[in-house]
Protein backbone atom coordinates (compact mmCIF):
# COMPACT_ATOMS: atom_id res chain seq x y z
CA MET A 1 -27.67 -2.21 -31.69
CA LEU A 2 -25.01 0.31 -30.77
CA SER A 3 -21.45 -0.98 -30.65
CA SER A 4 -18.92 0.04 -28.01
CA GLN A 5 -16.89 1.73 -30.77
CA GLU A 6 -19.90 3.87 -31.76
CA ILE A 7 -20.54 4.83 -28.13
CA ALA A 8 -16.87 5.73 -27.63
CA PHE A 9 -16.93 7.82 -30.81
CA PHE A 10 -20.00 9.74 -29.71
CA ILE A 11 -18.65 10.38 -26.21
CA THR A 12 -15.47 11.84 -27.72
CA LEU A 13 -17.62 14.01 -29.99
CA ALA A 14 -19.85 15.11 -27.11
CA GLN A 15 -16.80 16.18 -25.10
CA SER A 16 -15.51 18.33 -27.98
CA LYS A 17 -16.44 21.89 -28.82
CA SER A 18 -16.74 21.23 -32.53
CA LEU A 19 -16.49 18.55 -35.18
CA ALA A 20 -13.02 19.80 -36.01
CA ALA A 21 -11.95 19.46 -32.36
CA ALA A 22 -13.34 15.91 -32.27
CA ALA A 23 -11.45 15.12 -35.48
CA ARG A 24 -8.19 16.21 -33.87
CA LYS A 25 -8.82 13.98 -30.84
CA LEU A 26 -9.65 11.02 -33.09
CA ASN A 27 -6.79 11.80 -35.49
CA VAL A 28 -9.11 11.81 -38.51
CA THR A 29 -10.47 14.49 -40.86
CA PRO A 30 -13.55 16.63 -40.00
CA PRO A 31 -15.53 15.18 -42.98
CA SER A 32 -14.89 11.71 -41.58
CA VAL A 33 -16.34 12.74 -38.21
CA SER A 34 -19.35 14.26 -39.92
CA GLN A 35 -19.96 11.09 -41.93
CA ARG A 36 -19.73 8.87 -38.84
CA LEU A 37 -22.15 11.13 -36.97
CA GLN A 38 -24.63 11.08 -39.86
CA ALA A 39 -24.42 7.29 -40.05
CA LEU A 40 -25.06 7.02 -36.30
CA GLU A 41 -28.07 9.35 -36.47
CA GLN A 42 -29.49 7.41 -39.43
CA LYS A 43 -29.00 4.13 -37.58
CA LEU A 44 -30.94 5.42 -34.57
CA ASN A 45 -33.32 7.54 -36.64
CA VAL A 46 -32.84 10.52 -34.26
CA LYS A 47 -30.89 13.75 -34.31
CA LEU A 48 -28.09 13.66 -31.76
CA VAL A 49 -26.23 16.93 -32.33
CA GLU A 50 -27.21 20.48 -33.18
CA ARG A 51 -24.53 21.93 -35.43
CA GLY A 52 -23.85 25.60 -34.77
CA THR A 53 -21.56 27.93 -36.66
CA ARG A 54 -18.92 27.84 -33.92
CA ALA A 55 -19.87 24.96 -31.67
CA ILE A 56 -22.03 21.89 -31.38
CA SER A 57 -24.63 21.04 -28.73
CA LEU A 58 -26.35 17.79 -27.86
CA THR A 59 -30.04 17.12 -28.32
CA SER A 60 -31.94 15.39 -25.51
CA GLU A 61 -31.33 12.06 -27.28
CA GLY A 62 -27.65 12.91 -27.59
CA GLU A 63 -27.46 13.73 -23.88
CA LEU A 64 -29.03 10.35 -23.10
CA ILE A 65 -26.48 8.43 -25.17
CA PHE A 66 -23.66 10.48 -23.68
CA GLU A 67 -24.64 9.85 -20.04
CA GLU A 68 -25.76 6.24 -20.37
CA GLY A 69 -22.99 5.41 -22.84
CA ARG A 70 -20.26 6.43 -20.40
CA GLN A 71 -21.63 4.01 -17.83
CA VAL A 72 -21.76 1.25 -20.43
CA LEU A 73 -18.12 1.78 -21.38
CA GLN A 74 -17.10 1.83 -17.73
CA GLN A 75 -18.79 -1.52 -17.22
CA ILE A 76 -17.06 -2.95 -20.28
CA GLU A 77 -13.71 -1.69 -19.01
CA LEU A 78 -14.35 -3.19 -15.58
CA LEU A 79 -15.34 -6.51 -17.18
CA GLU A 80 -12.14 -6.59 -19.23
CA GLU A 81 -10.06 -5.84 -16.14
CA LYS A 82 -11.73 -8.62 -14.16
CA VAL A 83 -11.01 -11.03 -17.00
CA GLN A 84 -7.37 -9.92 -16.98
CA GLN A 85 -7.19 -10.37 -13.21
CA ASN A 86 -8.38 -13.94 -13.59
CA LYS A 87 -5.64 -14.78 -16.06
CA LEU A 88 -3.07 -17.12 -14.57
CA ALA A 89 -0.16 -15.50 -16.35
CA LEU A 90 1.15 -12.22 -14.95
CA SER A 91 3.77 -10.08 -16.67
CA GLY A 92 5.61 -6.79 -16.41
CA LYS A 93 7.46 -5.43 -13.37
CA LEU A 94 6.23 -5.38 -9.77
CA ARG A 95 8.06 -2.79 -7.66
CA ILE A 96 7.97 -3.29 -3.88
CA ILE A 97 9.53 -1.30 -1.02
CA ALA A 98 9.81 -3.03 2.37
CA PRO A 99 11.67 -2.50 5.68
CA VAL A 100 15.14 -4.04 5.80
CA GLY A 101 14.54 -6.65 8.49
CA TYR A 102 10.96 -7.60 7.64
CA GLY A 103 11.66 -7.43 3.93
CA THR A 104 14.62 -9.78 4.26
CA GLU A 105 12.96 -12.31 6.57
CA ARG A 106 9.36 -12.34 5.38
CA ILE A 107 8.77 -10.47 2.09
CA ALA A 108 11.78 -11.68 0.08
CA PRO A 109 10.92 -15.41 0.27
CA ILE A 110 7.29 -14.74 -0.70
CA ALA A 111 8.36 -12.52 -3.59
CA ALA A 112 10.79 -15.11 -4.92
CA GLN A 113 8.20 -17.88 -4.82
CA PHE A 114 5.58 -15.63 -6.45
CA GLN A 115 7.97 -14.80 -9.31
CA LYS A 116 8.77 -18.47 -9.78
CA GLU A 117 5.06 -19.15 -10.25
CA HIS A 118 4.80 -16.26 -12.75
CA PRO A 119 8.03 -16.39 -14.81
CA ASP A 120 6.95 -13.53 -17.10
CA LEU A 121 6.80 -11.24 -14.07
CA THR A 122 9.85 -9.30 -12.83
CA ILE A 123 9.96 -8.31 -9.15
CA ASP A 124 12.07 -5.42 -7.90
CA LEU A 125 12.28 -5.52 -4.08
CA HIS A 126 13.89 -2.44 -2.55
CA LEU A 127 14.67 -2.59 1.17
CA SER A 128 14.59 0.59 3.24
CA ASP A 129 13.68 1.54 6.80
CA ALA A 130 12.81 5.04 5.55
CA PRO A 131 10.39 4.34 2.68
CA SER A 132 8.94 7.13 0.56
CA TRP A 133 6.44 7.27 -2.28
CA SER A 134 8.02 8.92 -5.30
CA GLN A 135 5.54 10.61 -7.64
CA ILE A 136 8.10 10.45 -10.45
CA ASP A 137 8.83 6.74 -10.24
CA PRO A 138 6.31 5.33 -7.74
CA PRO A 139 6.47 1.76 -6.46
CA ASP A 140 3.49 -0.55 -6.78
CA ILE A 141 3.46 -1.46 -3.08
CA ILE A 142 5.10 -0.19 0.10
CA ILE A 143 5.20 -2.60 3.05
CA PHE A 144 4.90 -0.42 6.14
CA ILE A 145 5.23 -1.24 9.84
CA GLY A 146 4.22 1.15 12.60
CA GLN A 147 1.98 4.13 13.20
CA LEU A 148 0.92 5.50 9.83
CA LYS A 149 0.70 9.27 9.61
CA ASP A 150 -1.87 11.01 7.42
CA SER A 151 -1.51 9.73 3.89
CA SER A 152 -3.41 9.78 0.63
CA LEU A 153 -2.29 6.19 0.04
CA LYS A 154 -4.69 3.28 0.53
CA ARG A 155 -3.93 1.08 3.56
CA ILE A 156 -4.37 -2.71 3.43
CA LEU A 157 -3.87 -4.67 6.65
CA LEU A 158 -1.59 -7.65 6.06
CA SER A 159 -0.92 -8.79 9.60
CA GLU A 160 -1.47 -7.55 13.14
CA ASN A 161 1.76 -6.96 15.02
CA LYS A 162 2.35 -6.08 18.68
CA ARG A 163 5.37 -4.28 20.07
CA PHE A 164 7.23 -5.25 23.21
CA LEU A 165 9.80 -3.64 25.45
CA VAL A 166 12.68 -6.12 25.79
CA ALA A 167 16.25 -6.57 26.92
CA SER A 168 18.71 -9.44 27.20
CA PRO A 169 19.33 -11.36 30.44
CA THR A 170 22.92 -10.12 30.27
CA TYR A 171 21.80 -6.50 30.53
CA LEU A 172 19.16 -7.19 33.18
CA ALA A 173 21.61 -9.09 35.39
CA THR A 174 23.33 -5.86 36.48
CA ALA A 175 20.53 -3.33 35.85
CA ASP A 176 18.12 -1.76 38.34
CA THR A 177 14.60 -3.16 38.52
CA ILE A 178 12.13 -1.69 36.03
CA ARG A 179 8.61 -1.30 37.47
CA THR A 180 7.20 1.70 35.60
CA PRO A 181 8.01 3.45 32.30
CA HIS A 182 9.64 6.31 34.21
CA ASP A 183 12.29 3.88 35.50
CA LEU A 184 13.61 3.79 31.92
CA LEU A 185 15.18 7.21 32.54
CA GLN A 186 17.80 5.42 34.65
CA HIS A 187 18.59 2.78 32.02
CA GLN A 188 20.49 2.34 28.79
CA CYS A 189 17.91 2.63 26.01
CA ILE A 190 18.44 1.91 22.33
CA ALA A 191 16.28 3.73 19.78
CA LEU A 192 15.31 2.92 16.21
CA ASN A 193 15.04 5.89 13.88
CA GLU A 194 12.38 4.93 11.32
CA ASN A 195 9.42 6.42 9.44
CA ASP A 196 10.25 9.92 10.69
CA ASP A 197 8.88 8.91 14.12
CA ASP A 198 9.81 10.70 17.33
CA LEU A 199 12.39 8.07 18.29
CA THR A 200 12.94 9.28 21.87
CA MET A 201 9.28 9.52 22.92
CA TRP A 202 8.22 6.08 24.16
CA LYS A 203 4.48 5.71 24.78
CA PHE A 204 2.78 3.16 27.03
CA THR A 205 -0.76 2.31 28.14
CA HIS A 206 -1.48 0.65 31.48
CA ASN A 207 -3.34 -2.62 30.87
CA ALA A 208 -5.67 -2.30 33.87
CA THR A 209 -6.39 1.44 34.10
CA GLY A 210 -5.96 2.48 30.46
CA GLU A 211 -3.76 5.35 31.60
CA ASP A 212 -1.37 6.64 28.92
CA VAL A 213 2.22 7.26 29.97
CA SER A 214 4.89 8.88 27.80
CA VAL A 215 8.58 8.94 28.62
CA ARG A 216 11.26 10.98 26.85
CA ILE A 217 14.31 8.71 26.85
CA THR A 218 17.90 9.68 26.17
CA PRO A 219 19.18 6.81 24.01
CA SER A 220 22.70 5.56 24.42
CA LEU A 221 22.60 4.05 20.92
CA THR A 222 20.46 4.81 17.86
CA SER A 223 20.29 3.35 14.37
CA ASN A 224 18.06 3.62 11.32
CA ILE A 225 18.30 -0.14 10.72
CA GLY A 226 16.14 -2.52 12.74
CA PRO A 227 18.47 -5.55 12.74
CA VAL A 228 21.27 -3.39 14.14
CA VAL A 229 19.12 -2.28 17.08
CA LYS A 230 18.10 -5.87 17.80
CA HIS A 231 21.75 -7.05 17.62
CA TRP A 232 22.74 -4.43 20.20
CA ALA A 233 19.98 -5.57 22.53
CA LEU A 234 20.96 -9.24 22.18
CA ALA A 235 24.54 -8.27 22.97
CA GLY A 236 23.41 -6.70 26.25
CA TYR A 237 23.84 -3.01 25.42
CA GLY A 238 20.40 -1.89 26.53
CA ILE A 239 16.59 -1.90 26.20
CA ILE A 240 14.69 -1.71 22.92
CA GLN A 241 11.16 -1.60 21.57
CA ARG A 242 10.75 -4.30 18.94
CA SER A 243 8.01 -5.86 16.84
CA GLU A 244 6.60 -9.22 17.87
CA TRP A 245 7.34 -10.76 14.46
CA ASP A 246 11.07 -10.11 14.88
CA ILE A 247 11.59 -11.31 18.45
CA VAL A 248 9.12 -14.16 18.87
CA GLU A 249 11.87 -16.79 18.67
CA ASP A 250 14.19 -14.78 20.92
CA LEU A 251 11.46 -14.62 23.57
CA LYS A 252 10.87 -18.38 23.33
CA THR A 253 14.55 -19.18 23.78
CA GLY A 254 15.09 -16.57 26.49
CA ARG A 255 17.63 -14.53 24.52
CA LEU A 256 15.34 -11.56 25.14
CA VAL A 257 12.98 -10.89 28.05
CA LYS A 258 9.75 -8.85 28.09
CA LEU A 259 9.73 -5.86 30.41
CA LEU A 260 6.88 -3.90 32.05
CA PRO A 261 4.21 -6.62 31.67
CA ASP A 262 1.56 -4.30 33.16
CA TYR A 263 1.93 -1.93 30.21
CA LYS A 264 1.51 -2.22 26.46
CA LEU A 265 3.04 -0.32 23.58
CA PRO A 266 1.10 0.90 20.52
CA ASN A 267 0.64 -1.82 17.91
CA ALA A 268 2.86 -1.69 14.83
CA ASN A 269 0.59 -3.44 12.36
CA ILE A 270 2.01 -4.53 9.02
CA VAL A 271 0.20 -2.93 6.10
CA ALA A 272 0.53 -2.58 2.34
CA LEU A 273 0.32 0.97 0.99
CA VAL A 274 -0.99 1.37 -2.56
CA SER A 275 -2.14 4.35 -4.61
CA SER A 276 -5.49 3.13 -5.92
CA THR A 277 -8.56 1.10 -5.04
CA GLN A 278 -8.71 -2.63 -5.73
CA GLU A 279 -10.78 -2.35 -8.89
CA LYS A 280 -8.28 0.09 -10.40
CA ARG A 281 -5.10 -1.78 -9.48
CA PRO A 282 -3.27 -4.07 -11.91
CA ALA A 283 -3.85 -7.78 -11.43
CA LYS A 284 -0.20 -8.34 -10.46
CA VAL A 285 -0.59 -5.97 -7.49
CA ASN A 286 -3.86 -7.47 -6.25
CA ARG A 287 -2.61 -11.03 -6.65
CA PHE A 288 0.62 -10.33 -4.77
CA ILE A 289 -1.26 -8.61 -1.93
CA ASP A 290 -3.55 -11.64 -1.68
CA ARG A 291 -0.48 -13.88 -1.53
CA LEU A 292 1.03 -11.75 1.24
CA LYS A 293 -2.16 -11.98 3.30
CA ARG A 294 -2.32 -15.77 2.99
CA SER A 295 1.38 -16.39 3.61
CA LEU A 296 1.72 -14.03 6.55
CA SER A 297 -1.48 -15.32 8.13
CA GLN A 298 -0.27 -18.93 7.85
CA ARG A 299 3.04 -17.97 9.46
CA ASN A 300 1.28 -16.22 12.34
CA ASP A 301 -0.95 -19.26 12.89
CA ALA A 302 2.15 -21.44 13.07
CA HIS A 303 3.39 -19.40 16.01
């Protein structure tokens, strides 16, 4: 029976131009490679390689071992990874980037509890409302809220999230009535500059007709930090667009009021951005994403 070490050896040999080239890859001498090849051929009682003066070529039996052997090793690697993923103990560093407000309120508590359960794991949570994926020192996960532009990163939905147009009763007490999106042109609007979005183009869809309406506002205040924009709105300085997760309590208590009920804004779903598929990701990344899904779902159900 062939061992995984023998298959790995032969695949390395098959991917080399010569025995000497294979020896360099394996960090052994050419005679050692030749001896291992001879032993493998004797074990199988077939010739696997044709030895030329300048290069080697595979026989039909060698081609078979090369093609089938690669699949075998891939299955072994996948099995080992699944075993590792099932281990209770996680270690190393988990690097996460999240928006300032959402990261502070929702991600930070989950991350702290997750680290407590896995004391050999270090979590680095970086908060930014302008996240970017560095190829030099990439994070493991980016938590992203909003309309995702074209990206090579994999997108994992963590939680659905609506957006609402809101203002405080203090502002509305002295403001003109708002019946359509175009009425916003006569109001104090506050814009959030995030994710390289067009912060002054506010887009709406009529609930009944499905008609899309876009309005180019002229903001009286702008900020790149979500909590700042919300604070301004609560203080009565103007109208904002804000995610449901952030203002649900303010709507319940009446500190903020929904505007334009006949229209809806584009959803700003909360997603995790990662660089690879699930089967290729480290266990610490998959396990933390699973925790986020459970925790955020439970919180949404509570509301």
